[in-house]
N, C-alpha and C. Protein backbone atom coordinates (compact mmCIF):
# COMPACT_ATOMS: atom_id res chain seq x y z
N UNK A 1 224.76 185.65 7.73
CA UNK A 1 224.68 184.30 8.26
C UNK A 1 223.58 184.27 9.31
N UNK A 2 222.40 183.82 8.92
CA UNK A 2 221.23 183.89 9.80
C UNK A 2 221.21 182.76 10.82
N UNK A 3 221.82 181.62 10.44
CA UNK A 3 221.76 180.46 11.32
C UNK A 3 222.70 180.61 12.51
N UNK A 4 222.42 179.83 13.55
CA UNK A 4 223.28 179.76 14.70
C UNK A 4 223.53 178.30 15.05
N UNK A 5 224.61 178.08 15.78
CA UNK A 5 224.88 176.73 16.26
C UNK A 5 224.08 176.45 17.53
N UNK A 6 223.70 175.20 17.70
CA UNK A 6 222.93 174.80 18.87
C UNK A 6 223.68 175.16 20.15
N UNK A 7 224.98 174.91 20.18
CA UNK A 7 225.77 175.21 21.38
C UNK A 7 225.74 176.68 21.75
N UNK A 8 225.80 177.56 20.74
CA UNK A 8 225.76 179.00 20.99
C UNK A 8 224.41 179.40 21.58
N UNK A 9 223.33 178.86 21.01
CA UNK A 9 221.98 179.21 21.46
C UNK A 9 221.75 178.72 22.89
N UNK A 10 222.13 177.47 23.16
CA UNK A 10 221.94 176.92 24.50
C UNK A 10 222.76 177.70 25.53
N UNK A 11 224.02 178.00 25.19
CA UNK A 11 224.86 178.74 26.13
C UNK A 11 224.29 180.12 26.44
N UNK A 12 223.80 180.80 25.39
CA UNK A 12 223.20 182.11 25.60
C UNK A 12 221.94 182.02 26.46
N UNK A 13 221.11 181.00 26.21
CA UNK A 13 219.87 180.83 26.97
C UNK A 13 220.16 180.58 28.45
N UNK A 14 221.09 179.67 28.72
CA UNK A 14 221.33 179.32 30.13
C UNK A 14 222.01 180.48 30.86
N UNK A 15 222.88 181.23 30.17
CA UNK A 15 223.52 182.38 30.83
C UNK A 15 222.50 183.47 31.13
N UNK A 16 221.56 183.66 30.20
CA UNK A 16 220.51 184.66 30.43
C UNK A 16 219.65 184.28 31.62
N UNK A 17 219.47 182.98 31.83
CA UNK A 17 218.67 182.50 32.96
C UNK A 17 219.50 182.32 34.23
N UNK A 18 220.83 182.54 34.13
CA UNK A 18 221.68 182.40 35.30
C UNK A 18 221.91 180.95 35.72
N UNK A 19 221.92 180.04 34.76
CA UNK A 19 222.09 178.62 35.04
C UNK A 19 223.47 178.17 34.58
N UNK A 20 224.22 177.54 35.46
CA UNK A 20 225.56 177.06 35.11
C UNK A 20 225.45 175.84 34.20
N UNK A 21 226.55 175.56 33.50
CA UNK A 21 226.57 174.39 32.64
C UNK A 21 226.41 173.11 33.46
N UNK A 22 227.05 173.08 34.63
CA UNK A 22 226.93 171.89 35.48
C UNK A 22 225.50 171.67 35.93
N UNK A 23 224.79 172.74 36.29
CA UNK A 23 223.40 172.60 36.73
C UNK A 23 222.52 172.13 35.58
N UNK A 24 222.77 172.66 34.37
CA UNK A 24 221.97 172.22 33.23
C UNK A 24 222.26 170.75 32.92
N UNK A 25 223.52 170.34 33.03
CA UNK A 25 223.85 168.93 32.87
C UNK A 25 223.06 168.06 33.86
N UNK A 26 223.00 168.52 35.10
CA UNK A 26 222.29 167.77 36.14
C UNK A 26 220.81 167.64 35.78
N UNK A 27 220.21 168.74 35.32
CA UNK A 27 218.79 168.71 34.98
C UNK A 27 218.51 167.79 33.80
N UNK A 28 219.37 167.87 32.77
CA UNK A 28 219.19 167.02 31.59
C UNK A 28 219.34 165.55 31.97
N UNK A 29 220.34 165.27 32.80
CA UNK A 29 220.57 163.89 33.24
C UNK A 29 219.37 163.36 34.03
N UNK A 30 218.81 164.20 34.90
CA UNK A 30 217.65 163.79 35.69
C UNK A 30 216.45 163.48 34.80
N UNK A 31 216.23 164.33 33.80
CA UNK A 31 215.12 164.08 32.86
C UNK A 31 215.33 162.78 32.10
N UNK A 32 216.59 162.55 31.69
CA UNK A 32 216.89 161.34 30.93
C UNK A 32 216.65 160.10 31.77
N UNK A 33 217.05 160.15 33.02
CA UNK A 33 216.86 158.99 33.91
C UNK A 33 215.38 158.73 34.15
N UNK A 34 214.64 159.79 34.50
CA UNK A 34 213.23 159.61 34.82
C UNK A 34 212.39 159.15 33.64
N UNK A 35 212.82 159.49 32.42
CA UNK A 35 212.03 159.13 31.24
C UNK A 35 212.45 157.80 30.62
N UNK A 36 213.47 157.16 31.19
CA UNK A 36 213.98 155.91 30.62
C UNK A 36 213.13 154.73 31.10
N UNK A 37 212.29 154.22 30.21
CA UNK A 37 211.38 153.14 30.56
C UNK A 37 212.09 151.82 30.79
N UNK A 38 213.35 151.73 30.37
CA UNK A 38 214.08 150.47 30.53
C UNK A 38 214.69 150.33 31.93
N UNK A 39 214.66 151.41 32.71
CA UNK A 39 215.21 151.37 34.06
C UNK A 39 214.09 151.17 35.07
N UNK A 40 214.34 150.33 36.05
CA UNK A 40 213.36 150.12 37.12
C UNK A 40 213.37 151.33 38.04
N UNK A 41 212.33 151.45 38.85
CA UNK A 41 212.27 152.55 39.81
C UNK A 41 213.46 152.51 40.78
N UNK A 42 213.90 151.31 41.12
CA UNK A 42 215.04 151.17 42.03
C UNK A 42 216.30 151.74 41.39
N UNK A 43 216.54 151.37 40.13
CA UNK A 43 217.74 151.84 39.45
C UNK A 43 217.67 153.35 39.24
N UNK A 44 216.48 153.86 38.88
CA UNK A 44 216.33 155.31 38.72
C UNK A 44 216.67 156.02 40.02
N UNK A 45 216.19 155.49 41.13
CA UNK A 45 216.45 156.09 42.43
C UNK A 45 217.95 156.10 42.73
N UNK A 46 218.63 155.00 42.40
CA UNK A 46 220.06 154.90 42.64
C UNK A 46 220.82 155.90 41.77
N UNK A 47 220.44 156.02 40.51
CA UNK A 47 221.10 156.96 39.60
C UNK A 47 220.95 158.40 40.08
N UNK A 48 219.78 158.74 40.57
CA UNK A 48 219.52 160.11 40.99
C UNK A 48 220.30 160.51 42.23
N UNK A 49 220.85 159.52 42.93
CA UNK A 49 221.64 159.81 44.14
C UNK A 49 223.09 160.14 43.81
N UNK A 50 223.55 159.75 42.62
CA UNK A 50 224.96 159.92 42.27
C UNK A 50 225.09 160.73 40.98
N UNK A 51 226.30 161.24 40.71
CA UNK A 51 226.52 162.03 39.51
C UNK A 51 227.05 161.20 38.35
N UNK A 52 227.55 160.02 38.63
CA UNK A 52 228.15 159.19 37.58
C UNK A 52 227.11 158.76 36.56
N UNK A 53 227.54 158.64 35.29
CA UNK A 53 226.64 158.14 34.26
C UNK A 53 226.49 156.62 34.33
N UNK A 54 227.41 155.97 35.06
CA UNK A 54 227.35 154.52 35.24
C UNK A 54 227.27 154.18 36.72
N UNK A 55 226.45 153.21 37.06
CA UNK A 55 226.44 152.68 38.43
C UNK A 55 226.38 151.16 38.37
N UNK A 56 226.84 150.52 39.44
CA UNK A 56 226.87 149.07 39.49
C UNK A 56 225.72 148.58 40.37
N UNK A 57 224.84 147.79 39.79
CA UNK A 57 223.69 147.25 40.52
C UNK A 57 223.65 145.76 40.28
N UNK A 58 223.62 144.99 41.39
CA UNK A 58 223.62 143.53 41.30
C UNK A 58 224.78 143.03 40.44
N UNK A 59 225.97 143.64 40.67
CA UNK A 59 227.21 143.26 39.96
C UNK A 59 227.17 143.53 38.47
N UNK A 60 226.25 144.39 38.03
CA UNK A 60 226.19 144.76 36.61
C UNK A 60 226.27 146.28 36.49
N UNK A 61 227.06 146.72 35.48
CA UNK A 61 227.15 148.16 35.23
C UNK A 61 225.98 148.61 34.37
N UNK A 62 225.31 149.67 34.79
CA UNK A 62 224.14 150.19 34.08
C UNK A 62 224.40 151.65 33.70
N UNK A 63 224.02 152.02 32.50
CA UNK A 63 224.24 153.38 31.99
C UNK A 63 222.92 154.14 32.01
N UNK A 64 222.96 155.40 32.45
CA UNK A 64 221.73 156.19 32.55
C UNK A 64 221.20 156.63 31.19
N UNK A 65 222.07 156.70 30.17
CA UNK A 65 221.60 157.08 28.83
C UNK A 65 222.09 158.43 28.37
N UNK A 66 222.57 159.28 29.27
CA UNK A 66 223.10 160.59 28.88
C UNK A 66 224.49 160.74 29.49
N UNK A 67 225.51 160.85 28.66
CA UNK A 67 226.89 160.97 29.15
C UNK A 67 227.08 162.33 29.83
N UNK A 68 227.96 162.36 30.83
CA UNK A 68 228.19 163.59 31.58
C UNK A 68 228.77 164.71 30.74
N UNK A 69 229.49 164.36 29.66
CA UNK A 69 230.13 165.39 28.83
C UNK A 69 229.21 165.90 27.72
N UNK A 70 227.98 165.39 27.66
CA UNK A 70 227.07 165.72 26.56
C UNK A 70 226.94 167.22 26.33
N UNK A 71 226.60 167.96 27.38
CA UNK A 71 226.33 169.39 27.20
C UNK A 71 227.59 170.17 26.86
N UNK A 72 228.72 169.87 27.55
CA UNK A 72 229.94 170.60 27.25
C UNK A 72 230.39 170.35 25.82
N UNK A 73 230.17 169.13 25.30
CA UNK A 73 230.52 168.85 23.91
C UNK A 73 229.62 169.60 22.94
N UNK A 74 228.35 169.75 23.28
CA UNK A 74 227.43 170.53 22.46
C UNK A 74 227.88 171.99 22.41
N UNK A 75 228.17 172.57 23.57
CA UNK A 75 228.51 173.99 23.63
C UNK A 75 229.84 174.29 22.96
N UNK A 76 230.79 173.36 23.00
CA UNK A 76 232.09 173.59 22.38
C UNK A 76 232.08 173.28 20.89
N UNK A 77 230.97 172.74 20.37
CA UNK A 77 230.92 172.40 18.95
C UNK A 77 231.62 171.10 18.63
N UNK A 78 231.98 170.29 19.66
CA UNK A 78 232.64 169.02 19.42
C UNK A 78 231.65 167.98 18.93
N UNK A 79 230.45 167.97 19.50
CA UNK A 79 229.42 167.02 19.07
C UNK A 79 228.95 167.37 17.66
N UNK A 80 228.78 166.35 16.85
CA UNK A 80 228.29 166.55 15.48
C UNK A 80 226.80 166.25 15.36
N UNK A 81 226.23 165.59 16.37
CA UNK A 81 224.83 165.18 16.33
C UNK A 81 224.19 165.45 17.68
N UNK A 82 222.98 165.95 17.67
CA UNK A 82 222.14 166.02 18.88
C UNK A 82 220.78 165.48 18.48
N UNK A 83 220.35 164.41 19.12
CA UNK A 83 219.09 163.79 18.75
C UNK A 83 217.92 164.68 19.16
N UNK A 84 216.76 164.40 18.58
CA UNK A 84 215.56 165.16 18.94
C UNK A 84 215.25 164.99 20.43
N UNK A 85 215.47 163.80 20.95
CA UNK A 85 215.23 163.53 22.36
C UNK A 85 216.14 164.41 23.23
N UNK A 86 217.41 164.49 22.89
CA UNK A 86 218.35 165.31 23.65
C UNK A 86 217.99 166.78 23.57
N UNK A 87 217.55 167.23 22.41
CA UNK A 87 217.14 168.63 22.24
C UNK A 87 215.92 168.95 23.10
N UNK A 88 214.99 168.00 23.18
CA UNK A 88 213.81 168.20 24.01
C UNK A 88 214.20 168.30 25.48
N UNK A 89 215.13 167.46 25.91
CA UNK A 89 215.61 167.51 27.29
C UNK A 89 216.24 168.87 27.61
N UNK A 90 217.07 169.38 26.69
CA UNK A 90 217.71 170.68 26.89
C UNK A 90 216.67 171.78 27.08
N UNK A 91 215.67 171.79 26.18
CA UNK A 91 214.64 172.83 26.25
C UNK A 91 213.83 172.71 27.54
N UNK A 92 213.42 171.49 27.88
CA UNK A 92 212.62 171.28 29.08
C UNK A 92 213.39 171.66 30.33
N UNK A 93 214.69 171.33 30.36
CA UNK A 93 215.52 171.63 31.53
C UNK A 93 215.67 173.13 31.75
N UNK A 94 215.54 173.90 30.67
CA UNK A 94 215.65 175.36 30.77
C UNK A 94 214.28 176.03 30.88
N UNK A 95 213.22 175.24 30.84
CA UNK A 95 211.89 175.80 31.00
C UNK A 95 211.26 176.31 29.73
N UNK A 96 211.74 175.85 28.56
CA UNK A 96 211.19 176.30 27.28
C UNK A 96 210.29 175.22 26.68
N UNK A 97 209.58 175.61 25.62
CA UNK A 97 208.83 174.63 24.85
C UNK A 97 209.81 173.58 24.31
N UNK A 98 209.40 172.32 24.30
CA UNK A 98 210.33 171.26 23.92
C UNK A 98 210.80 171.36 22.46
N UNK A 99 210.11 172.14 21.64
CA UNK A 99 210.50 172.28 20.23
C UNK A 99 211.54 173.39 20.01
N UNK A 100 211.96 174.07 21.07
CA UNK A 100 212.81 175.26 20.92
C UNK A 100 214.09 174.98 20.12
N UNK A 101 214.74 173.86 20.35
CA UNK A 101 216.04 173.60 19.74
C UNK A 101 215.98 172.63 18.56
N UNK A 102 214.77 172.25 18.16
CA UNK A 102 214.63 171.33 17.04
C UNK A 102 215.07 172.03 15.75
N UNK A 103 215.91 171.36 14.98
CA UNK A 103 216.31 171.88 13.68
C UNK A 103 217.50 172.82 13.68
N UNK A 104 218.06 173.15 14.84
CA UNK A 104 219.22 174.04 14.89
C UNK A 104 220.49 173.24 14.62
N UNK A 105 221.36 173.77 13.79
CA UNK A 105 222.59 173.07 13.40
C UNK A 105 223.52 172.86 14.58
N UNK A 106 224.21 171.71 14.59
CA UNK A 106 225.14 171.38 15.66
C UNK A 106 226.60 171.52 15.20
N UNK A 107 226.89 171.05 14.00
CA UNK A 107 228.26 170.98 13.49
C UNK A 107 228.69 172.35 12.94
N UNK A 108 229.75 172.97 13.48
CA UNK A 108 230.17 174.29 13.00
C UNK A 108 230.56 174.29 11.53
N UNK A 109 231.07 173.17 11.00
CA UNK A 109 231.47 173.14 9.60
C UNK A 109 230.29 173.30 8.67
N UNK A 110 229.10 172.86 9.09
CA UNK A 110 227.92 172.99 8.23
C UNK A 110 227.51 174.45 8.08
N UNK A 111 227.87 175.28 9.05
CA UNK A 111 227.59 176.71 8.93
C UNK A 111 228.74 177.44 8.26
N UNK A 112 229.96 177.02 8.57
CA UNK A 112 231.12 177.71 8.03
C UNK A 112 231.30 177.49 6.53
N UNK A 113 231.10 176.26 6.07
CA UNK A 113 231.38 175.97 4.67
C UNK A 113 230.52 176.80 3.71
N UNK A 114 229.18 176.94 3.92
CA UNK A 114 228.42 177.82 3.02
C UNK A 114 228.81 179.28 3.16
N UNK A 115 229.24 179.70 4.36
CA UNK A 115 229.56 181.10 4.58
C UNK A 115 230.97 181.45 4.12
N UNK A 116 231.85 180.47 4.09
CA UNK A 116 233.23 180.71 3.71
C UNK A 116 233.38 180.53 2.22
N UNK A 117 233.84 181.59 1.54
CA UNK A 117 233.99 181.54 0.10
C UNK A 117 235.23 180.76 -0.32
N UNK A 118 236.26 180.78 0.54
CA UNK A 118 237.51 180.12 0.20
C UNK A 118 238.00 179.33 1.40
N UNK A 119 238.34 178.08 1.21
CA UNK A 119 239.10 177.33 2.21
C UNK A 119 240.44 177.03 1.56
N UNK A 120 241.49 177.74 1.94
CA UNK A 120 242.77 177.61 1.29
C UNK A 120 243.44 176.31 1.70
N UNK A 121 243.77 175.47 0.68
CA UNK A 121 244.28 174.12 0.89
C UNK A 121 243.22 173.33 1.66
N UNK A 122 243.63 172.38 2.43
CA UNK A 122 242.67 171.64 3.25
C UNK A 122 242.99 171.88 4.72
N UNK A 123 241.95 171.80 5.56
CA UNK A 123 242.14 171.99 6.99
C UNK A 123 242.34 170.62 7.61
N UNK A 124 243.50 170.42 8.23
CA UNK A 124 243.84 169.12 8.79
C UNK A 124 244.21 169.30 10.26
N UNK A 125 243.49 168.62 11.14
CA UNK A 125 243.80 168.65 12.57
C UNK A 125 244.33 167.28 12.99
N UNK A 126 245.53 167.27 13.53
CA UNK A 126 246.08 166.03 14.06
C UNK A 126 245.23 165.57 15.26
N UNK A 127 245.27 164.28 15.59
CA UNK A 127 244.44 163.78 16.70
C UNK A 127 244.57 164.58 17.98
N UNK A 128 245.79 164.99 18.32
CA UNK A 128 245.98 165.73 19.57
C UNK A 128 245.45 167.16 19.49
N UNK A 129 245.18 167.64 18.25
CA UNK A 129 244.67 169.01 18.07
C UNK A 129 243.19 169.03 17.73
N UNK A 130 242.54 167.87 17.72
CA UNK A 130 241.16 167.80 17.23
C UNK A 130 240.21 168.69 18.03
N UNK A 131 240.24 168.58 19.37
CA UNK A 131 239.31 169.36 20.18
C UNK A 131 239.57 170.85 20.03
N UNK A 132 240.85 171.25 20.03
CA UNK A 132 241.18 172.66 19.86
C UNK A 132 240.73 173.15 18.48
N UNK A 133 240.96 172.34 17.44
CA UNK A 133 240.59 172.74 16.08
C UNK A 133 239.09 172.91 15.92
N UNK A 134 238.32 171.97 16.43
CA UNK A 134 236.85 172.07 16.32
C UNK A 134 236.35 173.26 17.12
N UNK A 135 236.96 173.53 18.27
CA UNK A 135 236.56 174.69 19.07
C UNK A 135 236.86 175.99 18.33
N UNK A 136 237.98 176.04 17.61
CA UNK A 136 238.30 177.23 16.82
C UNK A 136 237.26 177.45 15.74
N UNK A 137 236.87 176.39 15.04
CA UNK A 137 235.84 176.52 13.99
C UNK A 137 234.52 176.99 14.59
N UNK A 138 234.17 176.46 15.76
CA UNK A 138 232.95 176.90 16.44
C UNK A 138 233.06 178.38 16.80
N UNK A 139 234.23 178.79 17.25
CA UNK A 139 234.47 180.19 17.61
C UNK A 139 234.34 181.08 16.38
N UNK A 140 234.91 180.65 15.23
CA UNK A 140 234.78 181.41 13.99
C UNK A 140 233.31 181.55 13.58
N UNK A 141 232.55 180.46 13.71
CA UNK A 141 231.13 180.50 13.36
C UNK A 141 230.40 181.51 14.23
N UNK A 142 230.78 181.58 15.52
CA UNK A 142 230.13 182.52 16.42
C UNK A 142 230.48 183.96 16.05
N UNK A 143 231.71 184.20 15.64
CA UNK A 143 232.11 185.55 15.21
C UNK A 143 231.29 185.98 14.01
N UNK A 144 231.17 185.10 13.01
CA UNK A 144 230.39 185.43 11.82
C UNK A 144 228.93 185.69 12.17
N UNK A 145 228.38 184.88 13.08
CA UNK A 145 226.99 185.07 13.47
C UNK A 145 226.77 186.37 14.23
N UNK A 146 227.68 186.69 15.17
CA UNK A 146 227.51 187.88 16.01
C UNK A 146 227.76 189.18 15.24
N UNK A 147 228.79 189.18 14.40
CA UNK A 147 229.24 190.44 13.82
C UNK A 147 228.84 190.67 12.37
N UNK A 148 228.48 189.57 11.65
CA UNK A 148 228.27 189.75 10.21
C UNK A 148 226.95 189.16 9.72
N UNK A 149 225.99 188.97 10.62
CA UNK A 149 224.68 188.49 10.19
C UNK A 149 224.03 189.51 9.25
N UNK A 150 223.63 189.06 8.07
CA UNK A 150 222.99 189.94 7.10
C UNK A 150 223.94 190.82 6.33
N UNK A 151 225.25 190.68 6.56
CA UNK A 151 226.25 191.50 5.87
C UNK A 151 226.89 190.66 4.77
N UNK A 152 226.96 191.23 3.56
CA UNK A 152 227.55 190.50 2.43
C UNK A 152 229.07 190.65 2.49
N UNK A 153 229.75 189.58 2.85
CA UNK A 153 231.21 189.61 2.97
C UNK A 153 231.80 188.39 2.28
N UNK A 154 233.09 188.52 1.94
CA UNK A 154 233.87 187.39 1.46
C UNK A 154 234.69 186.86 2.63
N UNK A 155 234.71 185.55 2.81
CA UNK A 155 235.43 184.98 3.94
C UNK A 155 236.31 183.83 3.49
N UNK A 156 237.36 183.60 4.25
CA UNK A 156 238.26 182.49 3.96
C UNK A 156 238.80 181.94 5.26
N UNK A 157 239.02 180.62 5.28
CA UNK A 157 239.73 179.99 6.39
C UNK A 157 241.06 179.50 5.85
N UNK A 158 242.14 179.91 6.49
CA UNK A 158 243.48 179.58 6.03
C UNK A 158 244.23 178.88 7.16
N UNK A 159 244.83 177.75 6.85
CA UNK A 159 245.63 177.04 7.85
C UNK A 159 247.08 177.01 7.39
N UNK A 160 247.97 177.44 8.28
CA UNK A 160 249.40 177.35 8.04
C UNK A 160 250.01 176.66 9.26
N UNK A 161 250.25 175.36 9.15
CA UNK A 161 250.76 174.61 10.28
C UNK A 161 249.74 174.61 11.42
N UNK A 162 250.15 175.11 12.58
CA UNK A 162 249.25 175.14 13.74
C UNK A 162 248.41 176.41 13.79
N UNK A 163 248.63 177.32 12.85
CA UNK A 163 247.90 178.59 12.83
C UNK A 163 246.68 178.49 11.92
N UNK A 164 245.50 178.85 12.45
CA UNK A 164 244.27 178.85 11.68
C UNK A 164 243.71 180.27 11.68
N UNK A 165 243.42 180.80 10.49
CA UNK A 165 243.02 182.20 10.37
C UNK A 165 241.68 182.32 9.66
N UNK A 166 240.78 183.12 10.21
CA UNK A 166 239.54 183.49 9.55
C UNK A 166 239.74 184.88 8.96
N UNK A 167 239.64 185.00 7.64
CA UNK A 167 239.84 186.28 6.95
C UNK A 167 238.50 186.74 6.40
N UNK A 168 238.11 187.98 6.71
CA UNK A 168 236.82 188.53 6.30
C UNK A 168 237.07 189.78 5.48
N UNK A 169 236.51 189.81 4.26
CA UNK A 169 236.72 190.93 3.34
C UNK A 169 235.39 191.44 2.80
N UNK A 170 235.41 192.66 2.28
CA UNK A 170 234.28 193.18 1.54
C UNK A 170 234.23 192.48 0.19
N UNK A 171 233.09 192.54 -0.51
CA UNK A 171 233.01 191.87 -1.82
C UNK A 171 234.08 192.31 -2.80
N UNK A 172 234.61 193.56 -2.64
CA UNK A 172 235.65 194.02 -3.57
C UNK A 172 237.06 193.76 -3.05
N UNK A 173 237.17 192.99 -1.97
CA UNK A 173 238.48 192.57 -1.52
C UNK A 173 239.12 193.38 -0.41
N UNK A 174 238.42 194.37 0.15
CA UNK A 174 238.99 195.15 1.25
C UNK A 174 238.92 194.37 2.55
N UNK A 175 240.05 194.27 3.26
CA UNK A 175 240.10 193.51 4.49
C UNK A 175 239.29 194.19 5.59
N UNK A 176 238.34 193.44 6.16
CA UNK A 176 237.54 193.95 7.28
C UNK A 176 238.06 193.44 8.62
N UNK A 177 238.43 192.18 8.65
CA UNK A 177 238.86 191.58 9.91
C UNK A 177 239.65 190.31 9.62
N UNK A 178 240.60 190.04 10.48
CA UNK A 178 241.37 188.81 10.37
C UNK A 178 241.56 188.26 11.77
N UNK A 179 241.03 187.07 12.01
CA UNK A 179 241.08 186.47 13.34
C UNK A 179 242.00 185.25 13.28
N UNK A 180 243.08 185.30 14.03
CA UNK A 180 244.08 184.24 13.99
C UNK A 180 244.11 183.50 15.32
N UNK A 181 244.11 182.18 15.26
CA UNK A 181 244.22 181.37 16.46
C UNK A 181 245.26 180.27 16.23
N UNK A 182 246.03 179.95 17.26
CA UNK A 182 247.04 178.90 17.19
C UNK A 182 246.54 177.67 17.93
N UNK A 183 246.61 176.52 17.28
CA UNK A 183 246.06 175.30 17.85
C UNK A 183 246.65 174.99 19.22
N UNK A 184 247.97 175.14 19.37
CA UNK A 184 248.60 174.78 20.64
C UNK A 184 248.09 175.67 21.77
N UNK A 185 248.10 177.00 21.55
CA UNK A 185 247.66 177.91 22.60
C UNK A 185 246.18 177.75 22.88
N UNK A 186 245.39 177.61 21.80
CA UNK A 186 243.96 177.45 21.97
C UNK A 186 243.65 176.16 22.72
N UNK A 187 244.42 175.09 22.40
CA UNK A 187 244.24 173.83 23.08
C UNK A 187 244.51 173.94 24.56
N UNK A 188 245.51 174.75 24.95
CA UNK A 188 245.82 174.93 26.36
C UNK A 188 244.68 175.65 27.08
N UNK A 189 244.03 176.59 26.38
CA UNK A 189 242.87 177.26 26.96
C UNK A 189 241.71 176.28 27.08
N UNK A 190 241.48 175.50 26.00
CA UNK A 190 240.40 174.52 25.99
C UNK A 190 240.53 173.55 27.17
N UNK A 191 241.77 173.15 27.46
CA UNK A 191 242.00 172.19 28.53
C UNK A 191 242.16 172.87 29.89
N UNK A 192 242.04 174.21 29.94
CA UNK A 192 242.14 174.92 31.20
C UNK A 192 243.55 175.04 31.74
N UNK A 193 244.56 174.89 30.86
CA UNK A 193 245.95 174.93 31.31
C UNK A 193 246.50 176.35 31.37
N UNK A 194 245.90 177.28 30.63
CA UNK A 194 246.27 178.69 30.76
C UNK A 194 244.98 179.49 30.89
N UNK A 195 245.00 180.60 31.63
CA UNK A 195 243.77 181.38 31.82
C UNK A 195 243.33 182.04 30.52
N UNK A 196 242.02 182.09 30.33
CA UNK A 196 241.48 182.65 29.10
C UNK A 196 241.89 184.11 28.90
N UNK A 197 242.08 184.86 30.00
CA UNK A 197 242.41 186.28 29.91
C UNK A 197 243.75 186.52 29.24
N UNK A 198 244.66 185.53 29.29
CA UNK A 198 245.98 185.69 28.66
C UNK A 198 245.94 185.41 27.16
N UNK A 199 244.80 184.89 26.71
CA UNK A 199 244.71 184.49 25.31
C UNK A 199 243.77 185.35 24.49
N UNK A 200 242.66 185.78 25.10
CA UNK A 200 241.67 186.56 24.38
C UNK A 200 240.81 187.35 25.34
N UNK A 201 240.25 188.45 24.85
CA UNK A 201 239.32 189.24 25.67
C UNK A 201 237.90 188.69 25.59
N UNK A 202 237.67 187.69 24.72
CA UNK A 202 236.34 187.12 24.54
C UNK A 202 236.05 186.12 25.65
N UNK A 203 235.16 186.47 26.55
CA UNK A 203 234.84 185.60 27.70
C UNK A 203 233.99 184.41 27.30
N UNK A 204 233.45 184.42 26.06
CA UNK A 204 232.61 183.30 25.62
C UNK A 204 233.40 182.27 24.83
N UNK A 205 234.73 182.36 24.87
CA UNK A 205 235.56 181.38 24.18
C UNK A 205 235.18 179.98 24.63
N UNK A 206 234.77 179.07 23.71
CA UNK A 206 234.39 177.73 24.14
C UNK A 206 235.58 176.97 24.70
N UNK A 207 235.42 176.30 25.82
CA UNK A 207 236.48 175.47 26.37
C UNK A 207 235.86 174.39 27.23
N UNK A 208 236.61 173.29 27.41
CA UNK A 208 236.01 172.12 28.02
C UNK A 208 235.83 172.27 29.52
N UNK A 209 236.43 173.26 30.15
CA UNK A 209 236.28 173.38 31.60
C UNK A 209 235.07 174.21 31.98
N UNK A 210 234.25 174.63 30.98
CA UNK A 210 233.07 175.44 31.32
C UNK A 210 232.13 174.67 32.21
N UNK A 211 232.08 173.34 32.03
CA UNK A 211 231.18 172.55 32.85
C UNK A 211 231.62 172.45 34.30
N UNK A 212 232.84 172.88 34.59
CA UNK A 212 233.34 172.79 35.95
C UNK A 212 233.22 174.10 36.70
N UNK A 213 232.75 175.15 35.99
CA UNK A 213 232.68 176.46 36.61
C UNK A 213 231.26 177.00 36.52
N UNK A 214 230.85 177.87 37.47
CA UNK A 214 229.51 178.44 37.41
C UNK A 214 229.37 179.36 36.22
């Protein structure tokens, strides 16, 4: 599996540079505000003073153009789309050529489906489990990318109730690895309700509170 998800690449880049998710959000937001030709200099100045994506000017609510959760959604694999403009902002905010992130896949299912030989039954996430489920798929994609790039393996995703399992086998059917995650427990980690150390040894587990921590 040669491809990578945009969220994985961005997270690796910013960690290598020692930049927190919150700081990268701030930089992207600043670039978005300064480049928005529809905003007056006064409004831009007001936006740059506050962290909110919305401010009230002359009794009207104005939006800066980049939501505060944008980056955390990208890194967790929740976002299905990242525009070329947003990708350019990410690269520029990290000091790279603006084309660095162009063309990199965002949706984990687009990487998992070609790599997974079998999806047993259908994968169904209830509304309350959606964020945890998408994060699990993003996590599975990262495992395949990190550990099995260039390796010919058979893979399957199996869901049994709240349990979602990634099964990895050799072409002749020998089990190499089986990664099991439970939606409820994973969701509690995603929401920051239980510490990651009690759930997994993987410190790169995607979760929504990453934007709140250095």
